[in-house]
């Protein structure tokens, strides 16, 4: 049962594979954005898992503490969350414009309309 000791890494792998599967297998553009967000969430979890030190505390020098956690991964993830929300909003805005131009958000129908022109 030692493989369950690091269950958070198994969750990261599961979310990565799920997000990648959604992006590759779905033709709907909104579903692809959701798949990218799932994949992105797995990367967030990976960085947070790496950044935590067992028994570590905040890096504030104080008597009685000798093990500290690095705050940099957590700060980077906060920035990445903001960038991810902005990227998702931009992607959804592009999907709206594609829907207005083509009348659909399915990849195969868009390709078919482009081939006819």
PDB file of N, CA and C in Angstrom:
ATOM      1  N   UNK A   1       0.809  -1.208   0.000  1.00  0.00           N
ATOM      2  CA  UNK A   1       0.000   0.000   0.000  1.00  0.00           C
ATOM      3  C   UNK A   1       0.851   1.272   0.000  1.00  0.00           C
ATOM      4  N   UNK A   2       2.119   1.140  -0.325  1.00  0.00           N
ATOM      5  CA  UNK A   2       2.978   2.322  -0.319  1.00  0.00           C
ATOM      6  C   UNK A   2       2.630   3.284  -1.455  1.00  0.00           C
ATOM      7  N   UNK A   3       1.972   2.781  -2.516  1.00  0.00           N
ATOM      8  CA  UNK A   3       1.602   3.672  -3.610  1.00  0.00           C
ATOM      9  C   UNK A   3       0.490   4.632  -3.200  1.00  0.00           C
ATOM     10  N   UNK A   4      -0.227   4.338  -2.106  1.00  0.00           N
ATOM     11  CA  UNK A   4      -1.255   5.250  -1.615  1.00  0.00           C
ATOM     12  C   UNK A   4      -0.677   6.331  -0.714  1.00  0.00           C
ATOM     13  N   UNK A   5       0.603   6.214  -0.386  1.00  0.00           N
ATOM     14  CA  UNK A   5       1.233   7.207   0.492  1.00  0.00           C
ATOM     15  C   UNK A   5       1.234   8.589  -0.148  1.00  0.00           C
ATOM     16  N   UNK A   6       1.362   8.633  -1.437  1.00  0.00           N
ATOM     17  CA  UNK A   6       1.377   9.915  -2.158  1.00  0.00           C
ATOM     18  C   UNK A   6       0.156   9.999  -3.060  1.00  0.00           C
ATOM     19  N   UNK A   7      -1.008   9.926  -2.456  1.00  0.00           N
ATOM     20  CA  UNK A   7      -2.255   9.914  -3.223  1.00  0.00           C
ATOM     21  C   UNK A   7      -2.459  11.185  -4.021  1.00  0.00           C
ATOM     22  N   UNK A   8      -1.906  12.308  -3.552  1.00  0.00           N
ATOM     23  CA  UNK A   8      -2.088  13.560  -4.284  1.00  0.00           C
ATOM     24  C   UNK A   8      -1.449  13.504  -5.664  1.00  0.00           C
ATOM     25  N   UNK A   9      -0.342  12.770  -5.819  1.00  0.00           N
ATOM     26  CA  UNK A   9       0.275  12.639  -7.137  1.00  0.00           C
ATOM     27  C   UNK A   9      -0.573  11.766  -8.059  1.00  0.00           C
ATOM     28  N   UNK A  10      -1.242  10.767  -7.494  1.00  0.00           N
ATOM     29  CA  UNK A  10      -2.149   9.950  -8.293  1.00  0.00           C
ATOM     30  C   UNK A  10      -3.337  10.777  -8.766  1.00  0.00           C
ATOM     31  N   UNK A  11      -3.806  11.667  -7.916  1.00  0.00           N
ATOM     32  CA  UNK A  11      -4.905  12.558  -8.318  1.00  0.00           C
ATOM     33  C   UNK A  11      -4.444  13.486  -9.435  1.00  0.00           C
ATOM     34  N   UNK A  12      -3.217  13.992  -9.329  1.00  0.00           N
ATOM     35  CA  UNK A  12      -2.662  14.852 -10.375  1.00  0.00           C
ATOM     36  C   UNK A  12      -2.603  14.102 -11.700  1.00  0.00           C
ATOM     37  N   UNK A  13      -2.109  12.872 -11.675  1.00  0.00           N
ATOM     38  CA  UNK A  13      -2.013  12.074 -12.911  1.00  0.00           C
ATOM     39  C   UNK A  13      -3.400  11.818 -13.483  1.00  0.00           C
ATOM     40  N   UNK A  14      -4.353  11.477 -12.627  1.00  0.00           N
ATOM     41  CA  UNK A  14      -5.716  11.217 -13.083  1.00  0.00           C
ATOM     42  C   UNK A  14      -6.326  12.460 -13.739  1.00  0.00           C
ATOM     43  N   UNK A  15      -6.162  13.628 -13.091  1.00  0.00           N
ATOM     44  CA  UNK A  15      -6.711  14.863 -13.659  1.00  0.00           C
ATOM     45  C   UNK A  15      -6.020  15.246 -14.967  1.00  0.00           C
ATOM     46  N   UNK A  16      -4.709  15.029 -15.045  1.00  0.00           N
ATOM     47  CA  UNK A  16      -3.991  15.336 -16.287  1.00  0.00           C
ATOM     48  C   UNK A  16      -4.503  14.480 -17.431  1.00  0.00           C
ATOM     49  N   UNK A  17      -4.641  13.186 -17.181  1.00  0.00           N
ATOM     50  CA  UNK A  17      -5.113  12.286 -18.237  1.00  0.00           C
ATOM     51  C   UNK A  17      -6.561  12.584 -18.616  1.00  0.00           C
ATOM     52  N   UNK A  18      -7.382  12.918 -17.635  1.00  0.00           N
ATOM     53  CA  UNK A  18      -8.774  13.269 -17.907  1.00  0.00           C
ATOM     54  C   UNK A  18      -8.858  14.544 -18.749  1.00  0.00           C
ATOM     55  N   UNK A  19      -8.097  15.571 -18.373  1.00  0.00           N
ATOM     56  CA  UNK A  19      -8.090  16.818 -19.141  1.00  0.00           C
ATOM     57  C   UNK A  19      -7.583  16.624 -20.550  1.00  0.00           C
ATOM     58  N   UNK A  20      -6.513  15.836 -20.701  1.00  0.00           N
ATOM     59  CA  UNK A  20      -5.979  15.569 -22.030  1.00  0.00           C
ATOM     60  C   UNK A  20      -6.982  14.786 -22.871  1.00  0.00           C
ATOM     61  N   UNK A  21      -7.656  13.820 -22.267  1.00  0.00           N
ATOM     62  CA  UNK A  21      -8.668  13.034 -22.986  1.00  0.00           C
ATOM     63  C   UNK A  21      -9.812  13.925 -23.465  1.00  0.00           C
ATOM     64  N   UNK A  22     -10.264  14.835 -22.607  1.00  0.00           N
ATOM     65  CA  UNK A  22     -11.361  15.736 -22.990  1.00  0.00           C
ATOM     66  C   UNK A  22     -10.946  16.614 -24.167  1.00  0.00           C
ATOM     67  N   UNK A  23      -9.729  17.142 -24.125  1.00  0.00           N
ATOM     68  CA  UNK A  23      -9.268  18.021 -25.208  1.00  0.00           C
ATOM     69  C   UNK A  23      -9.166  17.254 -26.525  1.00  0.00           C
ATOM     70  N   UNK A  24      -8.661  16.035 -26.475  1.00  0.00           N
ATOM     71  CA  UNK A  24      -8.432  15.277 -27.703  1.00  0.00           C
ATOM     72  C   UNK A  24      -9.723  14.679 -28.251  1.00  0.00           C
ATOM     73  N   UNK A  25     -10.618  14.219 -27.386  1.00  0.00           N
ATOM     74  CA  UNK A  25     -11.762  13.441 -27.850  1.00  0.00           C
ATOM     75  C   UNK A  25     -13.003  14.263 -28.174  1.00  0.00           C
ATOM     76  N   UNK A  26     -13.117  15.443 -27.691  1.00  0.00           N
ATOM     77  CA  UNK A  26     -14.331  16.235 -27.892  1.00  0.00           C
ATOM     78  C   UNK A  26     -14.155  17.217 -29.032  1.00  0.00           C
ATOM     79  N   UNK A  27     -15.234  17.422 -29.782  1.00  0.00           N
ATOM     80  CA  UNK A  27     -15.213  18.361 -30.886  1.00  0.00           C
ATOM     81  C   UNK A  27     -15.825  19.705 -30.546  1.00  0.00           C
ATOM     82  N   UNK A  28     -16.509  19.775 -29.419  1.00  0.00           N
ATOM     83  CA  UNK A  28     -17.143  21.006 -28.977  1.00  0.00           C
ATOM     84  C   UNK A  28     -16.075  21.926 -28.380  1.00  0.00           C
ATOM     85  N   UNK A  29     -16.033  23.156 -28.822  1.00  0.00           N
ATOM     86  CA  UNK A  29     -14.981  24.076 -28.384  1.00  0.00           C
ATOM     87  C   UNK A  29     -15.080  24.424 -26.897  1.00  0.00           C
ATOM     88  N   UNK A  30     -16.294  24.522 -26.370  1.00  0.00           N
ATOM     89  CA  UNK A  30     -16.457  24.819 -24.945  1.00  0.00           C
ATOM     90  C   UNK A  30     -15.944  23.646 -24.115  1.00  0.00           C
ATOM     91  N   UNK A  31     -16.214  22.430 -24.557  1.00  0.00           N
ATOM     92  CA  UNK A  31     -15.719  21.252 -23.843  1.00  0.00           C
ATOM     93  C   UNK A  31     -14.198  21.191 -23.876  1.00  0.00           C
ATOM     94  N   UNK A  32     -13.614  21.630 -24.968  1.00  0.00           N
ATOM     95  CA  UNK A  32     -12.153  21.683 -25.041  1.00  0.00           C
ATOM     96  C   UNK A  32     -11.589  22.675 -24.023  1.00  0.00           C
ATOM     97  N   UNK A  33     -12.235  23.801 -23.850  1.00  0.00           N
ATOM     98  CA  UNK A  33     -11.781  24.778 -22.855  1.00  0.00           C
ATOM     99  C   UNK A  33     -11.912  24.200 -21.452  1.00  0.00           C
ATOM    100  N   UNK A  34     -13.001  23.482 -21.196  1.00  0.00           N
ATOM    101  CA  UNK A  34     -13.168  22.834 -19.894  1.00  0.00           C
ATOM    102  C   UNK A  34     -12.061  21.802 -19.679  1.00  0.00           C
ATOM    103  N   UNK A  35     -11.719  21.027 -20.708  1.00  0.00           N
ATOM    104  CA  UNK A  35     -10.631  20.057 -20.607  1.00  0.00           C
ATOM    105  C   UNK A  35      -9.298  20.720 -20.310  1.00  0.00           C
ATOM    106  N   UNK A  36      -9.043  21.853 -20.943  1.00  0.00           N
ATOM    107  CA  UNK A  36      -7.809  22.596 -20.652  1.00  0.00           C
ATOM    108  C   UNK A  36      -7.795  23.101 -19.214  1.00  0.00           C
ATOM    109  N   UNK A  37      -8.951  23.504 -18.698  1.00  0.00           N
ATOM    110  CA  UNK A  37      -9.025  23.956 -17.311  1.00  0.00           C
ATOM    111  C   UNK A  37      -8.792  22.807 -16.334  1.00  0.00           C
ATOM    112  N   UNK A  38      -9.294  21.619 -16.651  1.00  0.00           N
ATOM    113  CA  UNK A  38      -9.037  20.448 -15.805  1.00  0.00           C
ATOM    114  C   UNK A  38      -7.549  20.124 -15.807  1.00  0.00           C
ATOM    115  N   UNK A  39      -6.938  20.155 -16.981  1.00  0.00           N
ATOM    116  CA  UNK A  39      -5.497  19.910 -17.086  1.00  0.00           C
ATOM    117  C   UNK A  39      -4.711  20.950 -16.285  1.00  0.00           C
ATOM    118  N   UNK A  40      -5.122  22.187 -16.394  1.00  0.00           N
ATOM    119  CA  UNK A  40      -4.452  23.270 -15.680  1.00  0.00           C
ATOM    120  C   UNK A  40      -4.583  23.087 -14.171  1.00  0.00           C
ATOM    121  N   UNK A  41      -5.729  22.638 -13.710  1.00  0.00           N
ATOM    122  CA  UNK A  41      -5.931  22.398 -12.284  1.00  0.00           C
ATOM    123  C   UNK A  41      -4.992  21.309 -11.784  1.00  0.00           C
ATOM    124  N   UNK A  42      -4.747  20.296 -12.606  1.00  0.00           N
ATOM    125  CA  UNK A  42      -3.824  19.243 -12.187  1.00  0.00           C
ATOM    126  C   UNK A  42      -2.406  19.791 -12.022  1.00  0.00           C
ATOM    127  N   UNK A  43      -2.018  20.710 -12.877  1.00  0.00           N
ATOM    128  CA  UNK A  43      -0.690  21.325 -12.742  1.00  0.00           C
ATOM    129  C   UNK A  43      -0.624  22.161 -11.466  1.00  0.00           C
ATOM    130  N   UNK A  44      -1.707  22.857 -11.147  1.00  0.00           N
ATOM    131  CA  UNK A  44      -1.750  23.619  -9.896  1.00  0.00           C
ATOM    132  C   UNK A  44      -1.549  22.688  -8.704  1.00  0.00           C
ATOM    133  N   UNK A  45      -2.258  21.576  -8.690  1.00  0.00           N
ATOM    134  CA  UNK A  45      -2.136  20.623  -7.588  1.00  0.00           C
ATOM    135  C   UNK A  45      -0.729  20.050  -7.493  1.00  0.00           C
ATOM    136  N   UNK A  46      -0.104  19.812  -8.637  1.00  0.00           N
ATOM    137  CA  UNK A  46       1.262  19.299  -8.637  1.00  0.00           C
ATOM    138  C   UNK A  46       2.218  20.295  -7.984  1.00  0.00           C
ATOM    139  N   UNK A  47       2.141  21.551  -8.373  1.00  0.00           N
ATOM    140  CA  UNK A  47       3.028  22.560  -7.797  1.00  0.00           C
ATOM    141  C   UNK A  47       2.772  22.756  -6.304  1.00  0.00           C
ATOM    142  N   UNK A  48       1.529  22.732  -5.897  1.00  0.00           N
ATOM    143  CA  UNK A  48       1.211  22.892  -4.481  1.00  0.00           C
ATOM    144  C   UNK A  48       1.723  21.697  -3.691  1.00  0.00           C
ATOM    145  N   UNK A  49       1.606  20.497  -4.254  1.00  0.00           N
ATOM    146  CA  UNK A  49       2.098  19.300  -3.581  1.00  0.00           C
ATOM    147  C   UNK A  49       3.608  19.334  -3.411  1.00  0.00           C
ATOM    148  N   UNK A  50       4.295  19.809  -4.419  1.00  0.00           N
ATOM    149  CA  UNK A  50       5.755  19.891  -4.345  1.00  0.00           C
ATOM    150  C   UNK A  50       6.191  20.959  -3.344  1.00  0.00           C
ATOM    151  N   UNK A  51       5.427  22.028  -3.224  1.00  0.00           N
ATOM    152  CA  UNK A  51       5.828  23.156  -2.388  1.00  0.00           C
ATOM    153  C   UNK A  51       5.658  22.938  -0.901  1.00  0.00           C
ATOM    154  N   UNK A  52       4.889  21.930  -0.498  1.00  0.00           N
ATOM    155  CA  UNK A  52       4.652  21.711   0.925  1.00  0.00           C
ATOM    156  C   UNK A  52       5.702  20.777   1.506  1.00  0.00           C
ATOM    157  N   UNK A  53       6.309  21.190   2.608  1.00  0.00           N
ATOM    158  CA  UNK A  53       7.299  20.384   3.315  1.00  0.00           C
ATOM    159  C   UNK A  53       6.639  19.817   4.559  1.00  0.00           C
ATOM    160  N   UNK A  54       6.783  18.511   4.754  1.00  0.00           N
ATOM    161  CA  UNK A  54       6.182  17.847   5.911  1.00  0.00           C
ATOM    162  C   UNK A  54       6.768  18.417   7.201  1.00  0.00           C
ATOM    163  N   UNK A  55       5.900  18.946   8.038  1.00  0.00           N
ATOM    164  CA  UNK A  55       6.345  19.532   9.303  1.00  0.00           C
ATOM    165  C   UNK A  55       6.870  20.946   9.164  1.00  0.00           C
ATOM    166  N   UNK A  56       6.837  21.502   7.977  1.00  0.00           N
ATOM    167  CA  UNK A  56       7.346  22.843   7.750  1.00  0.00           C
ATOM    168  C   UNK A  56       6.334  23.904   8.136  1.00  0.00           C
ATOM    169  N   UNK A  57       6.830  25.055   8.440  1.00  0.00           N
ATOM    170  CA  UNK A  57       5.980  26.182   8.812  1.00  0.00           C
ATOM    171  C   UNK A  57       6.245  27.347   7.867  1.00  0.00           C
ATOM    172  N   UNK A  58       5.510  28.412   8.042  1.00  0.00           N
ATOM    173  CA  UNK A  58       5.728  29.611   7.220  1.00  0.00           C
ATOM    174  C   UNK A  58       7.148  30.122   7.459  1.00  0.00           C
ATOM    175  N   UNK A  59       7.783  30.679   6.421  1.00  0.00           N
ATOM    176  CA  UNK A  59       9.180  31.109   6.564  1.00  0.00           C
ATOM    177  C   UNK A  59       9.334  32.398   7.362  1.00  0.00           C
ATOM    178  N   UNK A  60       8.898  32.340   8.607  1.00  0.00           N
ATOM    179  CA  UNK A  60       9.072  33.455   9.536  1.00  0.00           C
ATOM    180  C   UNK A  60      10.021  32.967  10.618  1.00  0.00           C
ATOM    181  N   UNK A  61      11.178  33.577  10.718  1.00  0.00           N
ATOM    182  CA  UNK A  61      12.199  33.116  11.660  1.00  0.00           C
ATOM    183  C   UNK A  61      11.723  33.379  13.080  1.00  0.00           C
ATOM    184  N   UNK A  62      11.619  32.278  13.806  1.00  0.00           N
ATOM    185  CA  UNK A  62      11.122  32.339  15.168  1.00  0.00           C
ATOM    186  C   UNK A  62      11.771  31.207  15.951  1.00  0.00           C
ATOM    187  N   UNK A  63      11.925  31.396  17.219  1.00  0.00           N
ATOM    188  CA  UNK A  63      12.551  30.376  18.060  1.00  0.00           C
ATOM    189  C   UNK A  63      11.694  29.103  18.071  1.00  0.00           C
ATOM    190  N   UNK A  64      12.363  27.952  17.969  1.00  0.00           N
ATOM    191  CA  UNK A  64      11.664  26.679  18.030  1.00  0.00           C
ATOM    192  C   UNK A  64      11.324  26.083  16.680  1.00  0.00           C
ATOM    193  N   UNK A  65      11.511  26.815  15.596  1.00  0.00           N
ATOM    194  CA  UNK A  65      11.205  26.290  14.265  1.00  0.00           C
ATOM    195  C   UNK A  65      12.490  26.163  13.461  1.00  0.00           C
ATOM    196  N   UNK A  66      12.661  25.028  12.826  1.00  0.00           N
ATOM    197  CA  UNK A  66      13.866  24.837  12.014  1.00  0.00           C
ATOM    198  C   UNK A  66      13.547  24.399  10.586  1.00  0.00           C
ATOM    199  N   UNK A  67      12.312  23.933  10.343  1.00  0.00           N
ATOM    200  CA  UNK A  67      11.914  23.483   9.002  1.00  0.00           C
ATOM    201  C   UNK A  67      10.876  24.456   8.454  1.00  0.00           C
ATOM    202  N   UNK A  68      11.161  24.965   7.271  1.00  0.00           N
ATOM    203  CA  UNK A  68      10.276  25.953   6.668  1.00  0.00           C
ATOM    204  C   UNK A  68       9.808  25.482   5.296  1.00  0.00           C
ATOM    205  N   UNK A  69       8.584  25.844   4.925  1.00  0.00           N
ATOM    206  CA  UNK A  69       8.066  25.580   3.588  1.00  0.00           C
ATOM    207  C   UNK A  69       8.388  26.755   2.678  1.00  0.00           C
ATOM    208  N   UNK A  70       8.670  26.446   1.439  1.00  0.00           N
ATOM    209  CA  UNK A  70       8.966  27.486   0.468  1.00  0.00           C
ATOM    210  C   UNK A  70       7.647  28.104  -0.020  1.00  0.00           C
ATOM    211  N   UNK A  71       7.455  29.418   0.112  1.00  0.00           N
ATOM    212  CA  UNK A  71       6.196  30.026  -0.326  1.00  0.00           C
ATOM    213  C   UNK A  71       6.137  30.307  -1.826  1.00  0.00           C
ATOM    214  N   UNK A  72       7.251  30.196  -2.527  1.00  0.00           N
ATOM    215  CA  UNK A  72       7.283  30.556  -3.940  1.00  0.00           C
ATOM    216  C   UNK A  72       6.316  29.742  -4.804  1.00  0.00           C
ATOM    217  N   UNK A  73       6.226  28.415  -4.646  1.00  0.00           N
ATOM    218  CA  UNK A  73       5.252  27.688  -5.481  1.00  0.00           C
ATOM    219  C   UNK A  73       3.815  28.161  -5.271  1.00  0.00           C
ATOM    220  N   UNK A  74       3.457  28.494  -4.057  1.00  0.00           N
ATOM    221  CA  UNK A  74       2.099  28.947  -3.778  1.00  0.00           C
ATOM    222  C   UNK A  74       1.829  30.312  -4.415  1.00  0.00           C
ATOM    223  N   UNK A  75       2.819  31.174  -4.380  1.00  0.00           N
ATOM    224  CA  UNK A  75       2.677  32.491  -4.999  1.00  0.00           C
ATOM    225  C   UNK A  75       2.561  32.347  -6.520  1.00  0.00           C
ATOM    226  N   UNK A  76       3.362  31.455  -7.091  1.00  0.00           N
ATOM    227  CA  UNK A  76       3.284  31.232  -8.534  1.00  0.00           C
ATOM    228  C   UNK A  76       1.925  30.671  -8.941  1.00  0.00           C
ATOM    229  N   UNK A  77       1.349  29.822  -8.104  1.00  0.00           N
ATOM    230  CA  UNK A  77       0.043  29.254  -8.414  1.00  0.00           C
ATOM    231  C   UNK A  77      -1.039  30.324  -8.335  1.00  0.00           C
ATOM    232  N   UNK A  78      -0.934  31.229  -7.388  1.00  0.00           N
ATOM    233  CA  UNK A  78      -1.905  32.327  -7.333  1.00  0.00           C
ATOM    234  C   UNK A  78      -1.867  33.147  -8.619  1.00  0.00           C
ATOM    235  N   UNK A  79      -0.668  33.419  -9.097  1.00  0.00           N
ATOM    236  CA  UNK A  79      -0.532  34.143 -10.354  1.00  0.00           C
ATOM    237  C   UNK A  79      -1.074  33.317 -11.519  1.00  0.00           C
ATOM    238  N   UNK A  80      -0.794  32.016 -11.517  1.00  0.00           N
ATOM    239  CA  UNK A  80      -1.261  31.149 -12.594  1.00  0.00           C
ATOM    240  C   UNK A  80      -2.787  31.032 -12.609  1.00  0.00           C
ATOM    241  N   UNK A  81      -3.415  31.068 -11.450  1.00  0.00           N
ATOM    242  CA  UNK A  81      -4.879  31.024 -11.393  1.00  0.00           C
ATOM    243  C   UNK A  81      -5.468  32.260 -12.064  1.00  0.00           C
ATOM    244  N   UNK A  82      -4.900  33.416 -11.789  1.00  0.00           N
ATOM    245  CA  UNK A  82      -5.385  34.655 -12.405  1.00  0.00           C
ATOM    246  C   UNK A  82      -5.195  34.599 -13.921  1.00  0.00           C
ATOM    247  N   UNK A  83      -4.026  34.148 -14.359  1.00  0.00           N
ATOM    248  CA  UNK A  83      -3.772  34.024 -15.797  1.00  0.00           C
ATOM    249  C   UNK A  83      -4.712  32.993 -16.423  1.00  0.00           C
ATOM    250  N   UNK A  84      -4.975  31.896 -15.708  1.00  0.00           N
ATOM    251  CA  UNK A  84      -5.882  30.865 -16.215  1.00  0.00           C
ATOM    252  C   UNK A  84      -7.299  31.363 -16.380  1.00  0.00           C
ATOM    253  N   UNK A  85      -7.775  32.159 -15.436  1.00  0.00           N
ATOM    254  CA  UNK A  85      -9.125  32.723 -15.554  1.00  0.00           C
ATOM    255  C   UNK A  85      -9.199  33.672 -16.742  1.00  0.00           C
ATOM    256  N   UNK A  86      -8.171  34.492 -16.915  1.00  0.00           N
ATOM    257  CA  UNK A  86      -8.155  35.425 -18.045  1.00  0.00           C
ATOM    258  C   UNK A  86      -8.084  34.671 -19.372  1.00  0.00           C
ATOM    259  N   UNK A  87      -7.288  33.614 -19.430  1.00  0.00           N
ATOM    260  CA  UNK A  87      -7.179  32.817 -20.651  1.00  0.00           C
ATOM    261  C   UNK A  87      -8.491  32.120 -20.966  1.00  0.00           C
ATOM    262  N   UNK A  88      -9.160  31.597 -19.943  1.00  0.00           N
ATOM    263  CA  UNK A  88     -10.456  30.954 -20.158  1.00  0.00           C
ATOM    264  C   UNK A  88     -11.495  31.958 -20.661  1.00  0.00           C
ATOM    265  N   UNK A  89     -11.480  33.151 -20.101  1.00  0.00           N
ATOM    266  CA  UNK A  89     -12.413  34.183 -20.548  1.00  0.00           C
ATOM    267  C   UNK A  89     -12.149  34.559 -22.003  1.00  0.00           C
ATOM    268  N   UNK A  90     -10.881  34.675 -22.373  1.00  0.00           N
ATOM    269  CA  UNK A  90     -10.540  34.979 -23.759  1.00  0.00           C
ATOM    270  C   UNK A  90     -10.974  33.846 -24.682  1.00  0.00           C
ATOM    271  N   UNK A  91     -10.733  32.606 -24.273  1.00  0.00           N
ATOM    272  CA  UNK A  91     -11.145  31.463 -25.077  1.00  0.00           C
ATOM    273  C   UNK A  91     -12.645  31.413 -25.268  1.00  0.00           C
ATOM    274  N   UNK A  92     -13.402  31.672 -24.217  1.00  0.00           N
ATOM    275  CA  UNK A  92     -14.861  31.673 -24.331  1.00  0.00           C
ATOM    276  C   UNK A  92     -15.353  32.823 -25.206  1.00  0.00           C
ATOM    277  N   UNK A  93     -14.679  33.974 -25.125  1.00  0.00           N
ATOM    278  CA  UNK A  93     -15.041  35.091 -25.997  1.00  0.00           C
ATOM    279  C   UNK A  93     -14.789  34.731 -27.467  1.00  0.00           C
ATOM    280  N   UNK A  94     -13.691  34.026 -27.729  1.00  0.00           N
ATOM    281  CA  UNK A  94     -13.424  33.573 -29.098  1.00  0.00           C
ATOM    282  C   UNK A  94     -14.461  32.558 -29.564  1.00  0.00           C
ATOM    283  N   UNK A  95     -14.912  31.699 -28.661  1.00  0.00           N
ATOM    284  CA  UNK A  95     -15.955  30.731 -29.009  1.00  0.00           C
ATOM    285  C   UNK A  95     -17.240  31.461 -29.376  1.00  0.00           C
ATOM    286  N   UNK A  96     -17.571  32.528 -28.659  1.00  0.00           N
ATOM    287  CA  UNK A  96     -18.764  33.312 -28.983  1.00  0.00           C
ATOM    288  C   UNK A  96     -18.635  33.917 -30.378  1.00  0.00           C
ATOM    289  N   UNK A  97     -17.461  34.454 -30.696  1.00  0.00           N
ATOM    290  CA  UNK A  97     -17.263  35.038 -32.035  1.00  0.00           C
ATOM    291  C   UNK A  97     -17.313  33.972 -33.124  1.00  0.00           C
ATOM    292  N   UNK A  98     -16.757  32.797 -32.853  1.00  0.00           N
ATOM    293  CA  UNK A  98     -16.820  31.694 -33.814  1.00  0.00           C
ATOM    294  C   UNK A  98     -18.268  31.271 -34.023  1.00  0.00           C
ATOM    295  N   UNK A  99     -19.029  31.236 -32.957  1.00  0.00           N
ATOM    296  CA  UNK A  99     -20.460  30.870 -33.052  1.00  0.00           C
ATOM    297  C   UNK A  99     -21.220  31.876 -33.903  1.00  0.00           C
ATOM    298  N   UNK A 100     -20.897  33.161 -33.743  1.00  0.00           N
ATOM    299  CA  UNK A 100     -21.549  34.192 -34.551  1.00  0.00           C
ATOM    300  C   UNK A 100     -21.162  34.067 -36.024  1.00  0.00           C
ATOM    301  N   UNK A 101     -19.909  33.722 -36.293  1.00  0.00           N
ATOM    302  CA  UNK A 101     -19.431  33.659 -37.676  1.00  0.00           C
ATOM    303  C   UNK A 101     -19.882  32.390 -38.390  1.00  0.00           C
ATOM    304  N   UNK A 102     -19.873  31.250 -37.696  1.00  0.00           N
ATOM    305  CA  UNK A 102     -20.149  29.962 -38.339  1.00  0.00           C
ATOM    306  C   UNK A 102     -21.500  29.371 -37.968  1.00  0.00           C
ATOM    307  N   UNK A 103     -22.102  29.840 -36.898  1.00  0.00           N
ATOM    308  CA  UNK A 103     -23.378  29.293 -36.472  1.00  0.00           C
ATOM    309  C   UNK A 103     -23.256  27.997 -35.687  1.00  0.00           C
ATOM    310  N   UNK A 104     -22.053  27.597 -35.339  1.00  0.00           N
ATOM    311  CA  UNK A 104     -21.822  26.361 -34.587  1.00  0.00           C
ATOM    312  C   UNK A 104     -20.509  26.466 -33.818  1.00  0.00           C
ATOM    313  N   UNK A 105     -20.364  25.594 -32.825  1.00  0.00           N
ATOM    314  CA  UNK A 105     -19.093  25.523 -32.088  1.00  0.00           C
ATOM    315  C   UNK A 105     -18.504  24.113 -32.151  1.00  0.00           C
ATOM    316  N   UNK A 106     -18.976  23.309 -33.093  1.00  0.00           N
ATOM    317  CA  UNK A 106     -18.438  21.962 -33.309  1.00  0.00           C
ATOM    318  C   UNK A 106     -17.320  22.042 -34.351  1.00  0.00           C
ATOM    319  N   UNK A 107     -16.164  21.455 -34.015  1.00  0.00           N
ATOM    320  CA  UNK A 107     -15.000  21.541 -34.893  1.00  0.00           C
ATOM    321  C   UNK A 107     -15.244  20.976 -36.283  1.00  0.00           C
ATOM    322  N   UNK A 108     -15.879  19.810 -36.362  1.00  0.00           N
ATOM    323  CA  UNK A 108     -16.065  19.177 -37.668  1.00  0.00           C
ATOM    324  C   UNK A 108     -16.995  19.984 -38.572  1.00  0.00           C
ATOM    325  N   UNK A 109     -17.996  20.626 -37.995  1.00  0.00           N
ATOM    326  CA  UNK A 109     -18.891  21.465 -38.794  1.00  0.00           C
ATOM    327  C   UNK A 109     -18.189  22.725 -39.277  1.00  0.00           C
ATOM    328  N   UNK A 110     -17.334  23.293 -38.447  1.00  0.00           N
ATOM    329  CA  UNK A 110     -16.544  24.472 -38.847  1.00  0.00           C
ATOM    330  C   UNK A 110     -15.595  24.096 -39.981  1.00  0.00           C
ATOM    331  N   UNK A 111     -14.899  22.940 -39.858  1.00  0.00           N
ATOM    332  CA  UNK A 111     -14.006  22.484 -40.919  1.00  0.00           C
ATOM    333  C   UNK A 111     -14.776  22.237 -42.218  1.00  0.00           C
ATOM    334  N   UNK A 112     -15.954  21.667 -42.111  1.00  0.00           N
ATOM    335  CA  UNK A 112     -16.772  21.389 -43.284  1.00  0.00           C
ATOM    336  C   UNK A 112     -17.178  22.683 -43.985  1.00  0.00           C
ATOM    337  N   UNK A 113     -17.529  23.711 -43.208  1.00  0.00           N
ATOM    338  CA  UNK A 113     -17.913  24.990 -43.803  1.00  0.00           C
ATOM    339  C   UNK A 113     -16.703  25.662 -44.450  1.00  0.00           C
ATOM    340  N   UNK A 114     -15.521  25.512 -43.853  1.00  0.00           N
ATOM    341  CA  UNK A 114     -14.316  26.095 -44.444  1.00  0.00           C
ATOM    342  C   UNK A 114     -13.939  25.372 -45.739  1.00  0.00           C
ATOM    343  N   UNK A 115     -14.157  24.067 -45.799  1.00  0.00           N
ATOM    344  CA  UNK A 115     -13.829  23.309 -47.000  1.00  0.00           C
ATOM    345  C   UNK A 115     -14.742  23.654 -48.173  1.00  0.00           C
ATOM    346  N   UNK A 116     -15.999  24.000 -47.866  1.00  0.00           N
ATOM    347  CA  UNK A 116     -16.966  24.337 -48.910  1.00  0.00           C
ATOM    348  C   UNK A 116     -16.661  25.677 -49.559  1.00  0.00           C
ATOM    349  N   UNK A 117     -16.000  26.563 -48.880  1.00  0.00           N
ATOM    350  CA  UNK A 117     -15.726  27.911 -49.418  1.00  0.00           C
ATOM    351  C   UNK A 117     -14.555  27.946 -50.315  1.00  0.00           C
TER     352      UNK A 117
END
